[in-house]
Amino acid sequence: MADLTINSVSVPSAVVNGQTFSLDVSVTASADSVEDGSAYRLFVFVTSLLTGGLLAPPTVIKGHLQDSPWISANNLFQIPVTAGASPDIYNITAVLLEGPSGTDPDSVPSFGSAGPMVVV
């Protein structure tokens, strides 16, 4: 098992334009990483097919294990996102890295994705 793992990324299958929805990223850390209070960075990208690019700047969450919001081995990040114009289709990609900057050479990045989801 990798030191830090994205278990799942979930979003609703459909959302109304202008509505705020929750993008949920379930993550797990190894016991060693939790014990060490390892640094992590979670990047979440929401891509819009309507615009052909990102819906908004990527969400970046940085911290250390054992500090809020990731205080135990398992955590659920709930990220609020406001839907843009409709009709549109979103695809979501998440990347979890261990280390305060760059990539820890002993750790493998973890990837997760969700979608497509429709904006009506």
C-alpha atoms as a PDB file:
ATOM      1  CA  MET A   1       0.000   0.000   0.000  1.00  0.00           C
ATOM      2  CA  ALA A   2       1.184   3.513  -0.748  1.00  0.00           C
ATOM      3  CA  ASP A   3       1.835   5.805   2.219  1.00  0.00           C
ATOM      4  CA  LEU A   4      -1.064   8.109   1.254  1.00  0.00           C
ATOM      5  CA  THR A   5      -3.947   6.769  -0.823  1.00  0.00           C
ATOM      6  CA  ILE A   6      -7.033   8.243  -2.448  1.00  0.00           C
ATOM      7  CA  ASN A   7      -9.742   5.625  -1.904  1.00  0.00           C
ATOM      8  CA  SER A   8     -12.486   7.362  -3.860  1.00  0.00           C
ATOM      9  CA  VAL A   9     -13.652  10.642  -5.346  1.00  0.00           C
ATOM     10  CA  SER A  10     -17.396  11.165  -5.480  1.00  0.00           C
ATOM     11  CA  VAL A  11     -19.751  13.817  -6.806  1.00  0.00           C
ATOM     12  CA  PRO A  12     -23.460  13.891  -7.548  1.00  0.00           C
ATOM     13  CA  SER A  13     -24.410  12.614 -11.001  1.00  0.00           C
ATOM     14  CA  ALA A  14     -26.192  15.891 -11.803  1.00  0.00           C
ATOM     15  CA  VAL A  15     -26.355  19.410 -10.390  1.00  0.00           C
ATOM     16  CA  VAL A  16     -28.276  22.583 -11.290  1.00  0.00           C
ATOM     17  CA  ASN A  17     -26.246  25.517 -12.638  1.00  0.00           C
ATOM     18  CA  GLY A  18     -25.276  27.945  -9.872  1.00  0.00           C
ATOM     19  CA  GLN A  19     -25.848  25.296  -7.173  1.00  0.00           C
ATOM     20  CA  THR A  20     -23.079  24.442  -4.704  1.00  0.00           C
ATOM     21  CA  PHE A  21     -22.314  20.737  -4.408  1.00  0.00           C
ATOM     22  CA  SER A  22     -19.872  18.663  -2.357  1.00  0.00           C
ATOM     23  CA  LEU A  23     -16.912  16.991  -4.012  1.00  0.00           C
ATOM     24  CA  ASP A  24     -15.863  14.241  -1.577  1.00  0.00           C
ATOM     25  CA  VAL A  25     -12.347  12.760  -1.508  1.00  0.00           C
ATOM     26  CA  SER A  26     -11.851   9.735   0.773  1.00  0.00           C
ATOM     27  CA  VAL A  27      -8.202   9.203   1.776  1.00  0.00           C
ATOM     28  CA  THR A  28      -6.133   6.809   3.899  1.00  0.00           C
ATOM     29  CA  ALA A  29      -2.637   7.132   5.362  1.00  0.00           C
ATOM     30  CA  SER A  30      -0.360   4.305   6.442  1.00  0.00           C
ATOM     31  CA  ALA A  31       0.245   3.905  10.176  1.00  0.00           C
ATOM     32  CA  ASP A  32       3.877   5.013   9.717  1.00  0.00           C
ATOM     33  CA  SER A  33       2.853   8.220   7.938  1.00  0.00           C
ATOM     34  CA  VAL A  34       0.299   9.057  10.640  1.00  0.00           C
ATOM     35  CA  GLU A  35       2.836   8.359  13.385  1.00  0.00           C
ATOM     36  CA  ASP A  36       5.411  10.593  11.657  1.00  0.00           C
ATOM     37  CA  GLY A  37       2.885  13.413  11.104  1.00  0.00           C
ATOM     38  CA  SER A  38       3.854  13.430   7.427  1.00  0.00           C
ATOM     39  CA  ALA A  39       3.156  16.485   5.287  1.00  0.00           C
ATOM     40  CA  TYR A  40       0.684  16.086   2.427  1.00  0.00           C
ATOM     41  CA  ARG A  41      -0.765  18.046  -0.478  1.00  0.00           C
ATOM     42  CA  LEU A  42      -4.134  17.272  -2.086  1.00  0.00           C
ATOM     43  CA  PHE A  43      -4.862  18.830  -5.485  1.00  0.00           C
ATOM     44  CA  VAL A  44      -8.376  18.691  -6.980  1.00  0.00           C
ATOM     45  CA  PHE A  45      -9.102  19.732 -10.573  1.00  0.00           C
ATOM     46  CA  VAL A  46     -12.626  20.200 -11.980  1.00  0.00           C
ATOM     47  CA  THR A  47     -12.592  20.235 -15.771  1.00  0.00           C
ATOM     48  CA  SER A  48     -15.461  21.729 -17.774  1.00  0.00           C
ATOM     49  CA  LEU A  49     -16.181  20.365 -21.232  1.00  0.00           C
ATOM     50  CA  LEU A  50     -18.105  23.569 -22.054  1.00  0.00           C
ATOM     51  CA  THR A  51     -15.057  25.798 -21.613  1.00  0.00           C
ATOM     52  CA  GLY A  52     -12.480  23.159 -22.477  1.00  0.00           C
ATOM     53  CA  GLY A  53     -10.527  23.949 -19.316  1.00  0.00           C
ATOM     54  CA  LEU A  54     -10.704  24.215 -15.554  1.00  0.00           C
ATOM     55  CA  LEU A  55     -13.974  25.350 -13.957  1.00  0.00           C
ATOM     56  CA  ALA A  56     -11.974  27.303 -11.360  1.00  0.00           C
ATOM     57  CA  PRO A  57      -8.404  27.323 -10.087  1.00  0.00           C
ATOM     58  CA  PRO A  58      -7.454  23.929  -8.622  1.00  0.00           C
ATOM     59  CA  THR A  59      -8.282  23.326  -4.975  1.00  0.00           C
ATOM     60  CA  VAL A  60      -5.078  22.780  -3.003  1.00  0.00           C
ATOM     61  CA  ILE A  61      -5.187  21.487   0.560  1.00  0.00           C
ATOM     62  CA  LYS A  62      -1.884  21.264   2.448  1.00  0.00           C
ATOM     63  CA  GLY A  63      -1.181  20.055   5.932  1.00  0.00           C
ATOM     64  CA  HIS A  64       0.331  17.467   8.215  1.00  0.00           C
ATOM     65  CA  LEU A  65      -1.211  14.216   9.355  1.00  0.00           C
ATOM     66  CA  GLN A  66      -2.509  14.401  12.961  1.00  0.00           C
ATOM     67  CA  ASP A  67      -3.431  18.075  12.359  1.00  0.00           C
ATOM     68  CA  SER A  68      -6.933  19.179  11.392  1.00  0.00           C
ATOM     69  CA  PRO A  69      -8.515  18.299   9.026  1.00  0.00           C
ATOM     70  CA  TRP A  70      -6.623  14.959   8.696  1.00  0.00           C
ATOM     71  CA  ILE A  71      -6.298  13.736  12.274  1.00  0.00           C
ATOM     72  CA  SER A  72      -6.569   9.936  11.880  1.00  0.00           C
ATOM     73  CA  ALA A  73      -5.569   7.322   9.301  1.00  0.00           C
ATOM     74  CA  ASN A  74      -8.845   7.750   7.366  1.00  0.00           C
ATOM     75  CA  ASN A  75     -10.299  11.083   6.337  1.00  0.00           C
ATOM     76  CA  LEU A  76     -12.986  12.519   4.083  1.00  0.00           C
ATOM     77  CA  PHE A  77     -12.287  15.884   2.497  1.00  0.00           C
ATOM     78  CA  GLN A  78     -15.567  17.588   1.541  1.00  0.00           C
ATOM     79  CA  ILE A  79     -14.836  20.366  -0.924  1.00  0.00           C
ATOM     80  CA  PRO A  80     -17.637  22.790  -1.869  1.00  0.00           C
ATOM     81  CA  VAL A  81     -17.821  23.641  -5.582  1.00  0.00           C
ATOM     82  CA  THR A  82     -20.317  25.941  -7.284  1.00  0.00           C
ATOM     83  CA  ALA A  83     -21.551  24.757 -10.661  1.00  0.00           C
ATOM     84  CA  GLY A  84     -21.190  27.125 -13.581  1.00  0.00           C
ATOM     85  CA  ALA A  85     -23.265  27.571 -16.733  1.00  0.00           C
ATOM     86  CA  SER A  86     -25.335  24.804 -18.247  1.00  0.00           C
ATOM     87  CA  PRO A  87     -25.432  22.591 -20.113  1.00  0.00           C
ATOM     88  CA  ASP A  88     -22.006  21.265 -19.185  1.00  0.00           C
ATOM     89  CA  ILE A  89     -20.213  18.109 -18.144  1.00  0.00           C
ATOM     90  CA  TYR A  90     -17.546  18.033 -15.447  1.00  0.00           C
ATOM     91  CA  ASN A  91     -14.738  15.541 -14.900  1.00  0.00           C
ATOM     92  CA  ILE A  92     -12.855  15.593 -11.610  1.00  0.00           C
ATOM     93  CA  THR A  93      -9.246  14.538 -11.002  1.00  0.00           C
ATOM     94  CA  ALA A  94      -7.510  14.426  -7.607  1.00  0.00           C
ATOM     95  CA  VAL A  95      -3.816  13.923  -6.811  1.00  0.00           C
ATOM     96  CA  LEU A  96      -2.429  13.255  -3.334  1.00  0.00           C
ATOM     97  CA  LEU A  97       1.280  13.764  -2.661  1.00  0.00           C
ATOM     98  CA  GLU A  98       3.329  13.163   0.441  1.00  0.00           C
ATOM     99  CA  GLY A  99       5.831  15.829   1.420  1.00  0.00           C
ATOM    100  CA  PRO A 100       5.704  19.607   1.907  1.00  0.00           C
ATOM    101  CA  SER A 101       7.005  20.400  -1.588  1.00  0.00           C
ATOM    102  CA  GLY A 102       7.969  18.326  -4.587  1.00  0.00           C
ATOM    103  CA  THR A 103       7.363  14.616  -4.149  1.00  0.00           C
ATOM    104  CA  ASP A 104       8.763  12.465  -1.375  1.00  0.00           C
ATOM    105  CA  PRO A 105      11.058  10.021  -3.243  1.00  0.00           C
ATOM    106  CA  ASP A 106       9.856   7.147  -1.020  1.00  0.00           C
ATOM    107  CA  SER A 107       6.188   7.834  -1.737  1.00  0.00           C
ATOM    108  CA  VAL A 108       4.092   7.204  -4.833  1.00  0.00           C
ATOM    109  CA  PRO A 109       1.495   9.842  -5.829  1.00  0.00           C
ATOM    110  CA  SER A 110      -2.082   8.649  -5.522  1.00  0.00           C
ATOM    111  CA  PHE A 111      -4.677   9.543  -8.166  1.00  0.00           C
ATOM    112  CA  GLY A 112      -8.474   9.466  -8.154  1.00  0.00           C
ATOM    113  CA  SER A 113     -11.216  10.662 -10.451  1.00  0.00           C
ATOM    114  CA  ALA A 114     -14.978  11.088 -10.705  1.00  0.00           C
ATOM    115  CA  GLY A 115     -17.446  11.963 -13.383  1.00  0.00           C
ATOM    116  CA  PRO A 116     -18.726  12.646 -15.773  1.00  0.00           C
ATOM    117  CA  MET A 117     -21.328  14.721 -13.979  1.00  0.00           C
ATOM    118  CA  VAL A 118     -23.870  16.850 -15.785  1.00  0.00           C
ATOM    119  CA  VAL A 119     -24.787  20.477 -15.079  1.00  0.00           C
ATOM    120  CA  VAL A 120     -28.382  21.282 -16.053  1.00  0.00           C
END
